[in-house]
Each structure stands twice: as structure tokens, then as C-alpha cells.
């Protein structure tokens, strides 16, 4: 299966569709949300220790991820960025740190830093936002397969089932699979 990565700035998506802003919600929801992040990480056996100023502005990291994708290294780069952000208290807006990550996965750090600031990648990030809105997305992470939206990492099992079984009760007949994308 091929995944078509499409980085999207979540805050911009929420603004575009007038969606729920989790970190601006009431204090009870925010307490639940932060606990849920910790619980989800624990369930996966992952450490949870985000940057002390969470959330950080992700634009540079998103643009850098597109640069990594252009060079066939999106997955190792994104994994390293996510690990550093969610469990290593790293600042995903810090160009020096992004350069270190780039070098660690075989990308040129200086070139990646340039891409993180380039209008080309800013424009592509905006195009991804437009695409996400047209796909009726309202949150992230989201995966679209066969015209169906699978929202959140807690829906990955439903996506796996859909892609492997494609039963009629999910609204798609068995047969050739339409293109898939991950946003």
C-alpha cells in the first residue's frame, strides 16, 4: 500500500472549517485531553514528555516534512520529529534542531532548513490545507481511503480492516482499490 503524505497545519484547518479548538476549550475538556494524550502514549508503550511550551508552531516542521518526502525520506524524518516533539521536549520550530534531525536520517540539514523557510513549501502547505477542506476533513490525523474518512489514530484499526476486507457493509464493494491518501 502506498501512503500519500499531505502535511497540514491543524490550527489552520480548524480555523478554515470553524472546528473545535481543543486547547481553547473549557478547562474540564483540556484536562481530559491532556490525560488522554498521556494514556494513548502509555497504551502504545511510548514515553510522553512534550515540550514545556506545548503546543509549538509546526509550520517549519511541516514544510521540512514535505522536503523530506520529496527525497523519499518522509517516514524516518517524521518519526524522528514526532519522537523528539512528543517525548523529547524538542522545539519543532527550531531550525537548528530540524537540521540535526535531517542529518540523522540522511537529509542535508542546511538544505532542509532552507526548505522550511521557502515560499515553495509554504505554498504547498497551503495547497494541502485547501485539499483537506475539499476532502471534508475537520481534524488530524486523518486518512482517506475509498472516499471514507478515518479520523484519529484510534481509527487505524478501522482503516486496516477497510483496506484488507472491504466488506459491503462499509459501503465499498470488493475489487480494485481507489487511491488512498493520508493527511
N, C-alpha and C. Protein backbone atom coordinates (compact mmCIF):
# COMPACT_ATOMS: atom_id res chain seq x y z
N UNK A 1 0.84 -1.17 0.00
CA UNK A 1 0.00 0.00 0.00
C UNK A 1 0.89 1.24 0.00
N UNK A 2 0.53 2.21 -0.78
CA UNK A 2 1.27 3.47 -0.83
C UNK A 2 0.52 4.53 -0.05
N UNK A 3 1.26 5.24 0.80
CA UNK A 3 0.69 6.35 1.55
C UNK A 3 1.14 7.64 0.88
N UNK A 4 0.20 8.51 0.63
CA UNK A 4 0.49 9.81 0.06
C UNK A 4 0.42 10.83 1.18
N UNK A 5 1.57 11.17 1.76
CA UNK A 5 1.63 12.11 2.89
C UNK A 5 1.21 13.49 2.42
N UNK A 6 0.37 14.14 3.21
CA UNK A 6 -0.03 15.52 2.92
C UNK A 6 -0.04 16.28 4.24
N UNK A 7 1.12 16.82 4.64
CA UNK A 7 1.16 17.59 5.88
C UNK A 7 0.18 18.77 5.84
N UNK A 8 -0.51 18.98 6.95
CA UNK A 8 -1.49 20.06 7.07
C UNK A 8 -1.30 20.70 8.44
N UNK A 9 -1.39 22.01 8.49
CA UNK A 9 -1.30 22.75 9.75
C UNK A 9 -2.66 22.65 10.42
N UNK A 10 -2.74 21.91 11.53
CA UNK A 10 -4.01 21.62 12.20
C UNK A 10 -4.75 22.89 12.60
N UNK A 11 -4.08 23.85 13.20
CA UNK A 11 -4.77 25.08 13.63
C UNK A 11 -5.40 25.79 12.44
N UNK A 12 -4.72 25.79 11.30
CA UNK A 12 -5.28 26.43 10.10
C UNK A 12 -6.48 25.65 9.57
N UNK A 13 -6.43 24.33 9.65
CA UNK A 13 -7.58 23.52 9.23
C UNK A 13 -8.78 23.80 10.13
N UNK A 14 -8.56 23.81 11.42
CA UNK A 14 -9.66 24.07 12.36
C UNK A 14 -10.27 25.44 12.08
N UNK A 15 -9.43 26.43 11.84
CA UNK A 15 -9.93 27.77 11.53
C UNK A 15 -10.72 27.77 10.23
N UNK A 16 -10.24 27.05 9.21
CA UNK A 16 -10.89 27.03 7.91
C UNK A 16 -12.28 26.40 7.94
N UNK A 17 -12.48 25.44 8.84
CA UNK A 17 -13.77 24.75 8.90
C UNK A 17 -14.56 25.11 10.15
N UNK A 18 -14.08 26.11 10.89
CA UNK A 18 -14.73 26.55 12.13
C UNK A 18 -14.96 25.37 13.07
N UNK A 19 -13.90 24.60 13.24
CA UNK A 19 -13.98 23.40 14.07
C UNK A 19 -13.66 23.66 15.53
N UNK A 20 -13.67 22.58 16.29
CA UNK A 20 -13.40 22.65 17.72
C UNK A 20 -11.91 22.89 17.95
N UNK A 21 -11.61 23.79 18.84
CA UNK A 21 -10.23 24.12 19.19
C UNK A 21 -9.93 23.51 20.56
N UNK A 22 -9.33 22.30 20.57
CA UNK A 22 -9.17 21.57 21.84
C UNK A 22 -8.44 22.34 22.92
N UNK A 23 -7.43 23.10 22.57
CA UNK A 23 -6.66 23.79 23.60
C UNK A 23 -7.31 25.09 24.04
N UNK A 24 -8.41 25.46 23.40
CA UNK A 24 -9.14 26.64 23.81
C UNK A 24 -10.48 26.26 24.43
N UNK A 25 -10.74 24.99 24.60
CA UNK A 25 -12.00 24.52 25.16
C UNK A 25 -12.02 24.74 26.66
N UNK A 26 -13.09 24.29 27.27
CA UNK A 26 -13.19 24.51 28.71
C UNK A 26 -12.14 23.72 29.47
N UNK A 27 -11.90 24.11 30.70
CA UNK A 27 -10.82 23.52 31.48
C UNK A 27 -11.03 22.02 31.72
N UNK A 28 -12.25 21.58 31.84
CA UNK A 28 -12.51 20.14 32.02
C UNK A 28 -12.11 19.36 30.78
N UNK A 29 -12.47 19.88 29.61
CA UNK A 29 -12.10 19.21 28.37
C UNK A 29 -10.58 19.19 28.22
N UNK A 30 -9.93 20.31 28.50
CA UNK A 30 -8.48 20.39 28.36
C UNK A 30 -7.78 19.39 29.28
N UNK A 31 -8.25 19.27 30.52
CA UNK A 31 -7.67 18.29 31.45
C UNK A 31 -7.84 16.87 30.91
N UNK A 32 -9.03 16.57 30.38
CA UNK A 32 -9.26 15.25 29.79
C UNK A 32 -8.34 15.04 28.59
N UNK A 33 -8.24 16.04 27.72
CA UNK A 33 -7.44 15.94 26.50
C UNK A 33 -5.97 15.64 26.83
N UNK A 34 -5.42 16.35 27.77
CA UNK A 34 -4.02 16.13 28.14
C UNK A 34 -3.82 14.75 28.77
N UNK A 35 -4.78 14.32 29.58
CA UNK A 35 -4.70 12.98 30.16
C UNK A 35 -4.84 11.91 29.08
N UNK A 36 -5.72 12.16 28.11
CA UNK A 36 -5.92 11.22 27.02
C UNK A 36 -4.64 11.05 26.19
N UNK A 37 -3.93 12.15 25.96
CA UNK A 37 -2.65 12.05 25.24
C UNK A 37 -1.68 11.15 26.01
N UNK A 38 -1.60 11.34 27.32
CA UNK A 38 -0.71 10.50 28.13
C UNK A 38 -1.14 9.04 28.10
N UNK A 39 -2.44 8.79 28.23
CA UNK A 39 -2.95 7.42 28.23
C UNK A 39 -2.72 6.73 26.89
N UNK A 40 -2.93 7.46 25.80
CA UNK A 40 -2.74 6.86 24.47
C UNK A 40 -1.27 6.50 24.26
N UNK A 41 -0.37 7.36 24.71
CA UNK A 41 1.06 7.05 24.60
C UNK A 41 1.41 5.83 25.45
N UNK A 42 0.89 5.78 26.67
CA UNK A 42 1.17 4.64 27.56
C UNK A 42 0.66 3.34 26.95
N UNK A 43 -0.51 3.37 26.34
CA UNK A 43 -1.08 2.18 25.72
C UNK A 43 -0.17 1.64 24.62
N UNK A 44 0.50 2.54 23.91
CA UNK A 44 1.42 2.14 22.85
C UNK A 44 2.83 1.87 23.36
N UNK A 45 3.04 2.04 24.67
CA UNK A 45 4.36 1.83 25.24
C UNK A 45 5.33 2.94 24.89
N UNK A 46 4.81 4.13 24.64
CA UNK A 46 5.64 5.26 24.24
C UNK A 46 5.76 6.27 25.38
N UNK A 47 6.93 6.87 25.53
CA UNK A 47 7.06 7.92 26.54
C UNK A 47 6.29 9.16 26.09
N UNK A 48 5.78 9.91 27.04
CA UNK A 48 5.07 11.15 26.73
C UNK A 48 5.68 12.27 27.56
N UNK A 49 6.39 13.13 26.89
CA UNK A 49 7.03 14.25 27.57
C UNK A 49 7.22 15.36 26.54
N UNK A 50 6.13 16.07 26.19
CA UNK A 50 6.22 17.10 25.15
C UNK A 50 7.00 18.32 25.62
N UNK A 51 7.28 19.20 24.70
CA UNK A 51 7.98 20.44 25.01
C UNK A 51 7.22 21.19 26.10
N UNK A 52 7.95 21.83 26.99
CA UNK A 52 7.31 22.51 28.12
C UNK A 52 6.43 23.67 27.68
N UNK A 53 6.61 24.18 26.47
CA UNK A 53 5.73 25.22 25.93
C UNK A 53 4.75 24.66 24.90
N UNK A 54 4.35 23.41 25.07
CA UNK A 54 3.39 22.79 24.15
C UNK A 54 2.12 23.63 24.13
N UNK A 55 1.53 23.85 22.96
CA UNK A 55 1.96 23.41 21.63
C UNK A 55 2.93 24.41 21.00
N UNK A 56 3.81 23.88 20.18
CA UNK A 56 4.75 24.71 19.42
C UNK A 56 4.20 24.91 18.00
N UNK A 57 4.64 25.96 17.35
CA UNK A 57 4.19 26.23 15.98
C UNK A 57 4.83 25.22 15.03
N UNK A 58 4.03 24.46 14.29
CA UNK A 58 4.57 23.37 13.48
C UNK A 58 4.93 23.71 12.03
N UNK A 59 4.74 24.95 11.60
CA UNK A 59 4.90 25.27 10.17
C UNK A 59 6.25 24.85 9.60
N UNK A 60 7.33 25.15 10.30
CA UNK A 60 8.65 24.79 9.78
C UNK A 60 8.82 23.28 9.68
N UNK A 61 8.36 22.57 10.69
CA UNK A 61 8.48 21.11 10.66
C UNK A 61 7.62 20.51 9.54
N UNK A 62 6.44 21.07 9.31
CA UNK A 62 5.58 20.58 8.24
C UNK A 62 6.21 20.81 6.88
N UNK A 63 6.78 21.98 6.68
CA UNK A 63 7.46 22.26 5.41
C UNK A 63 8.68 21.36 5.24
N UNK A 64 9.42 21.16 6.32
CA UNK A 64 10.58 20.27 6.28
C UNK A 64 10.15 18.85 5.94
N UNK A 65 8.99 18.41 6.45
CA UNK A 65 8.49 17.07 6.15
C UNK A 65 8.19 16.91 4.66
N UNK A 66 7.69 17.98 4.04
CA UNK A 66 7.45 17.91 2.60
C UNK A 66 8.77 17.81 1.83
N UNK A 67 9.77 18.52 2.29
CA UNK A 67 11.10 18.42 1.69
C UNK A 67 11.61 16.98 1.82
N UNK A 68 11.46 16.41 3.00
CA UNK A 68 11.89 15.02 3.22
C UNK A 68 11.11 14.07 2.31
N UNK A 69 9.82 14.33 2.14
CA UNK A 69 9.01 13.49 1.26
C UNK A 69 9.52 13.57 -0.17
N UNK A 70 9.86 14.76 -0.62
CA UNK A 70 10.38 14.92 -1.98
C UNK A 70 11.63 14.08 -2.21
N UNK A 71 12.34 13.77 -1.14
CA UNK A 71 13.57 13.00 -1.24
C UNK A 71 13.40 11.55 -0.78
N UNK A 72 12.15 11.13 -0.61
CA UNK A 72 11.86 9.74 -0.25
C UNK A 72 12.17 9.39 1.19
N UNK A 73 12.29 10.39 2.06
CA UNK A 73 12.65 10.13 3.46
C UNK A 73 11.62 10.69 4.44
N UNK A 74 10.37 10.81 4.01
CA UNK A 74 9.34 11.36 4.89
C UNK A 74 9.16 10.52 6.15
N UNK A 75 9.06 9.21 6.00
CA UNK A 75 8.76 8.38 7.17
C UNK A 75 9.83 8.47 8.25
N UNK A 76 11.12 8.26 7.95
CA UNK A 76 12.09 8.37 9.05
C UNK A 76 12.19 9.79 9.61
N UNK A 77 12.05 10.79 8.75
CA UNK A 77 12.12 12.16 9.24
C UNK A 77 10.95 12.48 10.15
N UNK A 78 9.73 12.15 9.71
CA UNK A 78 8.54 12.44 10.51
C UNK A 78 8.57 11.67 11.82
N UNK A 79 8.99 10.40 11.78
CA UNK A 79 9.10 9.63 13.03
C UNK A 79 10.06 10.29 14.02
N UNK A 80 11.21 10.76 13.51
CA UNK A 80 12.19 11.40 14.39
C UNK A 80 11.65 12.72 14.94
N UNK A 81 10.96 13.48 14.12
CA UNK A 81 10.37 14.74 14.57
C UNK A 81 9.31 14.47 15.64
N UNK A 82 8.44 13.53 15.38
CA UNK A 82 7.37 13.21 16.34
C UNK A 82 7.94 12.71 17.66
N UNK A 83 8.94 11.85 17.57
CA UNK A 83 9.56 11.33 18.80
C UNK A 83 10.18 12.47 19.61
N UNK A 84 10.89 13.35 18.94
CA UNK A 84 11.51 14.46 19.64
C UNK A 84 10.49 15.42 20.24
N UNK A 85 9.42 15.67 19.51
CA UNK A 85 8.40 16.62 19.98
C UNK A 85 7.58 16.06 21.13
N UNK A 86 7.10 14.82 20.97
CA UNK A 86 6.17 14.26 21.94
C UNK A 86 6.85 13.59 23.13
N UNK A 87 8.11 13.20 22.98
CA UNK A 87 8.74 12.52 24.12
C UNK A 87 10.12 13.07 24.48
N UNK A 88 10.63 14.01 23.69
CA UNK A 88 11.96 14.53 23.97
C UNK A 88 12.02 16.02 24.26
N UNK A 89 10.85 16.64 24.41
CA UNK A 89 10.75 18.06 24.72
C UNK A 89 11.47 18.94 23.70
N UNK A 90 11.50 18.51 22.45
CA UNK A 90 12.17 19.28 21.41
C UNK A 90 11.22 20.33 20.82
N UNK A 91 11.80 21.41 20.36
CA UNK A 91 11.06 22.52 19.76
C UNK A 91 11.03 22.32 18.25
N UNK A 92 9.87 21.96 17.70
CA UNK A 92 9.76 21.66 16.27
C UNK A 92 9.87 22.90 15.38
N UNK A 93 9.94 24.08 16.00
CA UNK A 93 10.13 25.29 15.21
C UNK A 93 11.59 25.72 15.16
N UNK A 94 12.46 25.03 15.88
CA UNK A 94 13.88 25.37 15.98
C UNK A 94 14.63 24.80 14.77
N UNK A 95 15.11 25.69 13.90
CA UNK A 95 15.80 25.25 12.68
C UNK A 95 17.05 24.44 12.97
N UNK A 96 17.77 24.79 14.01
CA UNK A 96 18.99 24.03 14.33
C UNK A 96 18.65 22.59 14.69
N UNK A 97 17.58 22.39 15.45
CA UNK A 97 17.17 21.03 15.79
C UNK A 97 16.67 20.28 14.56
N UNK A 98 15.88 20.95 13.72
CA UNK A 98 15.41 20.31 12.49
C UNK A 98 16.58 19.89 11.61
N UNK A 99 17.63 20.71 11.56
CA UNK A 99 18.83 20.36 10.79
C UNK A 99 19.50 19.11 11.35
N UNK A 100 19.57 19.00 12.67
CA UNK A 100 20.16 17.80 13.29
C UNK A 100 19.37 16.55 12.93
N UNK A 101 18.04 16.67 12.99
CA UNK A 101 17.19 15.53 12.64
C UNK A 101 17.40 15.18 11.17
N UNK A 102 17.44 16.18 10.32
CA UNK A 102 17.65 15.94 8.89
C UNK A 102 18.94 15.18 8.65
N UNK A 103 20.00 15.64 9.27
CA UNK A 103 21.29 14.97 9.10
C UNK A 103 21.23 13.53 9.61
N UNK A 104 20.48 13.29 10.68
CA UNK A 104 20.41 11.94 11.27
C UNK A 104 19.70 10.93 10.38
N UNK A 105 18.85 11.41 9.45
CA UNK A 105 18.13 10.49 8.56
C UNK A 105 18.64 10.55 7.13
N UNK A 106 19.77 11.23 6.92
CA UNK A 106 20.38 11.25 5.60
C UNK A 106 19.95 12.40 4.71
N UNK A 107 19.33 13.42 5.27
CA UNK A 107 19.00 14.63 4.52
C UNK A 107 20.03 15.69 4.83
N UNK A 108 20.26 16.59 3.94
CA UNK A 108 21.15 17.70 4.22
C UNK A 108 20.46 18.71 5.11
N UNK A 109 21.02 18.94 6.27
CA UNK A 109 20.40 19.84 7.24
C UNK A 109 20.24 21.27 6.74
N UNK A 110 21.27 21.80 6.10
CA UNK A 110 21.19 23.17 5.61
C UNK A 110 20.14 23.31 4.51
N UNK A 111 20.07 22.33 3.62
CA UNK A 111 19.07 22.37 2.55
C UNK A 111 17.67 22.26 3.14
N UNK A 112 17.51 21.39 4.12
CA UNK A 112 16.20 21.23 4.76
C UNK A 112 15.79 22.52 5.46
N UNK A 113 16.72 23.17 6.13
CA UNK A 113 16.41 24.44 6.81
C UNK A 113 15.95 25.48 5.80
N UNK A 114 16.60 25.51 4.65
CA UNK A 114 16.17 26.43 3.60
C UNK A 114 14.76 26.13 3.13
N UNK A 115 14.46 24.85 2.97
CA UNK A 115 13.11 24.45 2.55
C UNK A 115 12.07 24.82 3.60
N UNK A 116 12.43 24.72 4.87
CA UNK A 116 11.48 25.04 5.95
C UNK A 116 11.08 26.51 5.94
N UNK A 117 11.89 27.33 5.29
CA UNK A 117 11.60 28.77 5.22
C UNK A 117 11.13 29.21 3.83
N UNK A 118 11.16 28.30 2.86
CA UNK A 118 10.91 28.65 1.46
C UNK A 118 9.43 28.85 1.15
N UNK A 119 9.16 29.85 0.30
CA UNK A 119 7.79 30.10 -0.15
C UNK A 119 7.21 28.90 -0.88
N UNK A 120 8.04 28.17 -1.61
CA UNK A 120 7.56 26.98 -2.35
C UNK A 120 6.85 26.02 -1.39
N UNK A 121 7.48 25.73 -0.26
CA UNK A 121 6.89 24.78 0.69
C UNK A 121 5.75 25.41 1.47
N UNK A 122 5.80 26.70 1.69
CA UNK A 122 4.67 27.40 2.32
C UNK A 122 3.45 27.29 1.42
N UNK A 123 3.64 27.51 0.12
CA UNK A 123 2.53 27.41 -0.83
C UNK A 123 1.99 25.99 -0.90
N UNK A 124 2.87 25.01 -0.90
CA UNK A 124 2.42 23.62 -0.93
C UNK A 124 1.65 23.26 0.33
N UNK A 125 2.08 23.78 1.47
CA UNK A 125 1.37 23.53 2.71
C UNK A 125 -0.04 24.13 2.63
N UNK A 126 -0.15 25.31 2.05
CA UNK A 126 -1.47 25.92 1.85
C UNK A 126 -2.33 25.12 0.88
N UNK A 127 -1.70 24.55 -0.16
CA UNK A 127 -2.44 23.69 -1.09
C UNK A 127 -2.97 22.45 -0.37
N UNK A 128 -2.16 21.89 0.54
CA UNK A 128 -2.61 20.73 1.31
C UNK A 128 -3.80 21.09 2.18
N UNK A 129 -3.79 22.31 2.74
CA UNK A 129 -4.93 22.76 3.54
C UNK A 129 -6.18 22.84 2.68
N UNK A 130 -6.06 23.42 1.51
CA UNK A 130 -7.20 23.51 0.59
C UNK A 130 -7.72 22.12 0.25
N UNK A 131 -6.80 21.19 -0.01
CA UNK A 131 -7.19 19.81 -0.32
C UNK A 131 -7.92 19.17 0.86
N UNK A 132 -7.42 19.39 2.07
CA UNK A 132 -8.06 18.81 3.26
C UNK A 132 -9.48 19.35 3.43
N UNK A 133 -9.67 20.63 3.21
CA UNK A 133 -11.01 21.21 3.33
C UNK A 133 -11.93 20.60 2.28
N UNK A 134 -11.44 20.43 1.05
CA UNK A 134 -12.25 19.83 -0.02
C UNK A 134 -12.59 18.37 0.28
N UNK A 135 -11.73 17.70 1.07
CA UNK A 135 -11.98 16.31 1.45
C UNK A 135 -12.93 16.23 2.65
N UNK A 136 -13.42 17.37 3.11
CA UNK A 136 -14.33 17.45 4.27
C UNK A 136 -13.66 17.06 5.58
N UNK A 137 -12.36 17.25 5.68
CA UNK A 137 -11.66 16.94 6.92
C UNK A 137 -11.87 18.07 7.92
N UNK A 138 -11.87 17.72 9.18
CA UNK A 138 -12.11 18.69 10.24
C UNK A 138 -11.16 18.50 11.41
N UNK A 139 -10.22 17.58 11.27
CA UNK A 139 -9.25 17.30 12.30
C UNK A 139 -8.15 16.42 11.75
N UNK A 140 -7.13 16.20 12.57
CA UNK A 140 -5.97 15.40 12.17
C UNK A 140 -5.52 14.56 13.35
N UNK A 141 -4.88 13.42 13.11
CA UNK A 141 -4.55 12.87 11.80
C UNK A 141 -5.80 12.29 11.14
N UNK A 142 -5.81 12.36 9.84
CA UNK A 142 -6.93 11.83 9.07
C UNK A 142 -6.38 11.04 7.89
N UNK A 143 -7.04 9.96 7.61
CA UNK A 143 -6.70 9.14 6.45
C UNK A 143 -7.96 9.03 5.60
N UNK A 144 -7.80 9.13 4.29
CA UNK A 144 -8.92 9.00 3.37
C UNK A 144 -8.62 7.81 2.47
N UNK A 145 -9.54 6.87 2.44
CA UNK A 145 -9.39 5.69 1.58
C UNK A 145 -10.76 5.35 1.00
N UNK A 146 -10.82 5.20 -0.31
CA UNK A 146 -12.09 4.86 -0.94
C UNK A 146 -13.17 5.88 -0.65
N UNK A 147 -12.79 7.13 -0.47
CA UNK A 147 -13.76 8.18 -0.19
C UNK A 147 -14.21 8.26 1.25
N UNK A 148 -13.72 7.36 2.10
CA UNK A 148 -14.09 7.35 3.52
C UNK A 148 -13.02 8.05 4.34
N UNK A 149 -13.46 8.77 5.36
CA UNK A 149 -12.54 9.45 6.27
C UNK A 149 -12.35 8.59 7.51
N UNK A 150 -11.10 8.41 7.90
CA UNK A 150 -10.74 7.73 9.15
C UNK A 150 -9.98 8.76 9.97
N UNK A 151 -10.62 9.29 11.01
CA UNK A 151 -10.06 10.41 11.77
C UNK A 151 -9.48 9.92 13.09
N UNK A 152 -8.23 10.24 13.32
CA UNK A 152 -7.58 9.95 14.59
C UNK A 152 -6.83 8.63 14.59
N UNK A 153 -5.79 8.58 15.41
CA UNK A 153 -5.00 7.36 15.49
C UNK A 153 -5.80 6.21 16.09
N UNK A 154 -6.88 6.51 16.80
CA UNK A 154 -7.71 5.45 17.35
C UNK A 154 -8.60 4.81 16.29
N UNK A 155 -8.54 5.28 15.05
CA UNK A 155 -9.32 4.68 13.97
C UNK A 155 -8.44 3.90 12.98
N UNK A 156 -7.17 3.72 13.32
CA UNK A 156 -6.29 2.98 12.42
C UNK A 156 -6.73 1.54 12.25
N UNK A 157 -7.28 0.93 13.30
CA UNK A 157 -7.78 -0.44 13.16
C UNK A 157 -8.94 -0.50 12.16
N UNK A 158 -9.82 0.50 12.18
CA UNK A 158 -10.91 0.53 11.19
C UNK A 158 -10.36 0.70 9.78
N UNK A 159 -9.35 1.53 9.61
CA UNK A 159 -8.72 1.71 8.31
C UNK A 159 -8.09 0.40 7.84
N UNK A 160 -7.35 -0.27 8.73
CA UNK A 160 -6.74 -1.57 8.35
C UNK A 160 -7.81 -2.56 7.91
N UNK A 161 -8.88 -2.63 8.66
CA UNK A 161 -9.97 -3.54 8.32
C UNK A 161 -10.56 -3.17 6.96
N UNK A 162 -10.81 -1.90 6.74
CA UNK A 162 -11.37 -1.42 5.48
C UNK A 162 -10.47 -1.79 4.31
N UNK A 163 -9.18 -1.57 4.46
CA UNK A 163 -8.26 -1.84 3.36
C UNK A 163 -8.07 -3.32 3.10
N UNK A 164 -8.19 -4.14 4.14
CA UNK A 164 -7.97 -5.57 3.94
C UNK A 164 -9.24 -6.32 3.54
N UNK A 165 -10.36 -5.96 4.12
CA UNK A 165 -11.58 -6.72 3.88
C UNK A 165 -12.51 -6.07 2.87
N UNK A 166 -12.62 -4.78 2.93
CA UNK A 166 -13.53 -4.03 2.07
C UNK A 166 -14.92 -4.65 2.01
N UNK A 167 -15.53 -4.96 3.19
CA UNK A 167 -16.85 -5.58 3.19
C UNK A 167 -17.94 -4.63 2.70
N UNK A 168 -19.01 -5.18 2.12
CA UNK A 168 -20.09 -4.35 1.58
C UNK A 168 -20.72 -3.43 2.63
N UNK A 169 -20.77 -3.87 3.90
CA UNK A 169 -21.43 -3.03 4.91
C UNK A 169 -20.67 -1.74 5.21
N UNK A 170 -19.42 -1.63 4.73
CA UNK A 170 -18.68 -0.37 4.89
C UNK A 170 -18.86 0.53 3.68
N UNK A 171 -19.72 0.12 2.75
CA UNK A 171 -20.08 0.99 1.65
C UNK A 171 -19.21 0.88 0.41
N UNK A 172 -18.31 -0.07 0.35
CA UNK A 172 -17.45 -0.23 -0.82
C UNK A 172 -17.41 -1.71 -1.18
N UNK A 173 -17.59 -2.01 -2.44
CA UNK A 173 -17.54 -3.38 -2.91
C UNK A 173 -16.10 -3.82 -3.06
N UNK A 174 -15.87 -5.13 -2.93
CA UNK A 174 -14.53 -5.66 -3.19
C UNK A 174 -14.17 -5.42 -4.64
N UNK A 175 -12.91 -5.29 -4.90
CA UNK A 175 -12.45 -5.04 -6.26
C UNK A 175 -11.27 -4.10 -6.22
N UNK A 176 -10.95 -3.50 -7.34
CA UNK A 176 -9.80 -2.59 -7.37
C UNK A 176 -9.98 -1.46 -6.35
N UNK A 177 -8.91 -1.17 -5.67
CA UNK A 177 -8.98 -0.14 -4.63
C UNK A 177 -8.66 1.23 -5.21
N UNK A 178 -9.53 2.19 -4.91
CA UNK A 178 -9.22 3.55 -5.35
C UNK A 178 -8.01 4.09 -4.62
N UNK A 179 -7.46 5.20 -5.08
CA UNK A 179 -6.28 5.79 -4.44
C UNK A 179 -6.54 6.12 -2.98
N UNK A 180 -5.47 6.11 -2.22
CA UNK A 180 -5.56 6.41 -0.81
C UNK A 180 -4.66 7.59 -0.52
N UNK A 181 -5.04 8.36 0.47
CA UNK A 181 -4.15 9.44 0.90
C UNK A 181 -4.20 9.57 2.40
N UNK A 182 -3.11 10.01 2.97
CA UNK A 182 -3.05 10.28 4.40
C UNK A 182 -2.79 11.77 4.56
N UNK A 183 -3.59 12.39 5.35
CA UNK A 183 -3.42 13.82 5.59
C UNK A 183 -3.07 14.00 7.03
